[in-house]
Protein backbone atom coordinates (compact mmCIF):
# COMPACT_ATOMS: atom_id res chain seq x y z
CA MET A 1 66.42 -70.00 -63.76
CA ASP A 2 66.77 -71.50 -67.24
CA ALA A 3 66.33 -74.92 -65.66
CA PHE A 4 62.64 -74.15 -65.07
CA LEU A 5 62.14 -73.62 -68.80
CA THR A 6 64.17 -76.43 -70.35
CA GLY A 7 64.58 -80.16 -70.00
CA TRP A 8 62.68 -82.42 -67.64
CA LEU A 9 62.44 -79.70 -65.00
CA GLY A 10 60.76 -77.47 -67.59
CA GLU A 11 58.27 -80.21 -68.40
CA MET A 12 57.50 -80.62 -64.70
CA SER A 13 57.08 -76.86 -64.37
CA LEU A 14 54.67 -76.86 -67.31
CA GLY A 15 52.69 -79.68 -65.68
CA TRP A 16 52.61 -77.71 -62.44
CA ALA A 17 51.36 -74.62 -64.28
CA VAL A 18 48.54 -76.59 -65.94
CA LEU A 19 47.59 -78.22 -62.63
CA THR A 20 47.60 -74.84 -60.88
CA PHE A 21 45.43 -73.32 -63.63
CA ILE A 22 42.85 -76.10 -63.29
CA TRP A 23 42.88 -75.71 -59.50
CA VAL A 24 42.37 -71.94 -59.70
CA VAL A 25 39.51 -72.35 -62.20
CA LEU A 26 37.80 -74.84 -59.86
CA LEU A 27 38.31 -72.46 -56.92
CA ALA A 28 36.72 -69.64 -58.91
CA TYR A 29 33.81 -71.91 -59.86
CA ARG A 30 33.31 -72.86 -56.21
CA ALA A 31 33.33 -69.17 -55.22
CA TRP A 32 30.76 -68.41 -57.91
CA LEU A 33 28.55 -71.28 -56.72
CA ALA A 34 28.90 -70.17 -53.11
CA SER A 35 27.83 -66.66 -54.04
CA ARG A 36 24.60 -68.08 -55.48
CA GLU A 37 23.89 -70.06 -52.32
CA GLU A 38 21.29 -68.38 -50.15
CA GLU A 39 21.14 -68.57 -46.40
CA GLN A 40 17.39 -68.94 -46.11
CA MET A 41 15.61 -72.21 -45.60
CA TYR A 42 12.54 -73.23 -47.54
CA LEU A 43 10.07 -74.85 -45.21
CA GLY A 44 6.85 -76.45 -46.29
CA SER A 45 5.37 -79.67 -47.52
CA THR A 46 5.52 -78.75 -51.21
CA PRO A 47 8.95 -78.49 -52.79
CA SER A 48 9.57 -75.03 -54.17
CA PRO A 49 11.82 -74.23 -57.14
CA GLY A 50 14.07 -72.18 -54.86
CA ALA A 51 14.60 -75.11 -52.53
CA GLN A 52 15.44 -77.44 -55.40
CA GLU A 53 17.91 -74.92 -56.81
CA GLN A 54 19.58 -74.47 -53.43
CA SER A 55 19.88 -78.21 -52.88
CA ALA A 56 21.45 -78.54 -56.34
CA ILE A 57 23.97 -75.81 -55.48
CA VAL A 58 24.82 -77.45 -52.15
CA SER A 59 25.22 -80.79 -53.94
CA LYS A 60 27.65 -79.25 -56.46
CA LEU A 61 29.62 -77.58 -53.67
CA THR A 62 29.86 -80.89 -51.82
CA LYS A 63 31.04 -82.70 -54.96
CA LEU A 64 33.75 -80.05 -55.53
CA ALA A 65 35.26 -80.35 -52.04
CA LYS A 66 37.30 -83.52 -52.58
CA PRO A 67 38.71 -82.68 -56.06
CA LEU A 68 39.74 -79.24 -54.80
CA MET A 69 41.50 -80.72 -51.79
CA VAL A 70 43.28 -83.36 -53.90
CA LEU A 71 44.34 -80.83 -56.54
CA GLY A 72 45.59 -78.42 -53.86
CA ILE A 73 47.68 -81.13 -52.22
CA LEU A 74 49.05 -82.31 -55.57
CA ASP A 75 49.82 -78.74 -56.58
CA GLY A 76 51.74 -78.04 -53.39
CA ALA A 77 53.57 -81.38 -53.48
CA LEU A 78 54.58 -80.89 -57.11
CA ALA A 79 55.80 -77.35 -56.37
CA LEU A 80 57.92 -78.63 -53.49
CA LEU A 81 59.25 -81.47 -55.64
CA ILE A 82 60.21 -79.09 -58.45
CA VAL A 83 61.99 -76.70 -56.08
CA GLY A 84 63.75 -79.59 -54.33
CA LEU A 85 64.92 -81.11 -57.61
CA TRP A 86 66.05 -77.70 -58.85
CA LEU A 87 68.11 -77.21 -55.69
CA TRP A 88 69.51 -80.75 -55.92
CA GLN A 89 70.42 -80.21 -59.56
CA GLY A 90 72.10 -76.91 -58.71
CA MET A 91 74.11 -78.40 -55.84
CA ASN A 92 75.30 -81.33 -57.94
CA ALA A 93 76.25 -79.25 -60.97
CA HIS A 94 79.96 -79.18 -61.56
CA VAL A 95 81.02 -75.63 -62.23
């Protein structure tokens, strides 16, 4: 387990931790935005402040979708890479 804390594997683990933290913060922000989104529609010819606020929230949620997906994929791929390299390093270590 010391390999996760030292050397190049430790640096990769630190990078993974930072990436995971950013991903979790963005997920929490998306959940907070989604909780503010209302399910009612504003109909009428004059734009109301509620409708503008809801369209801004929907716009922010839409903009967050791609970065969240990319960060999630990168996070999972980096985790698999770290575990794979740790196993490879352990199998090739001469005892």
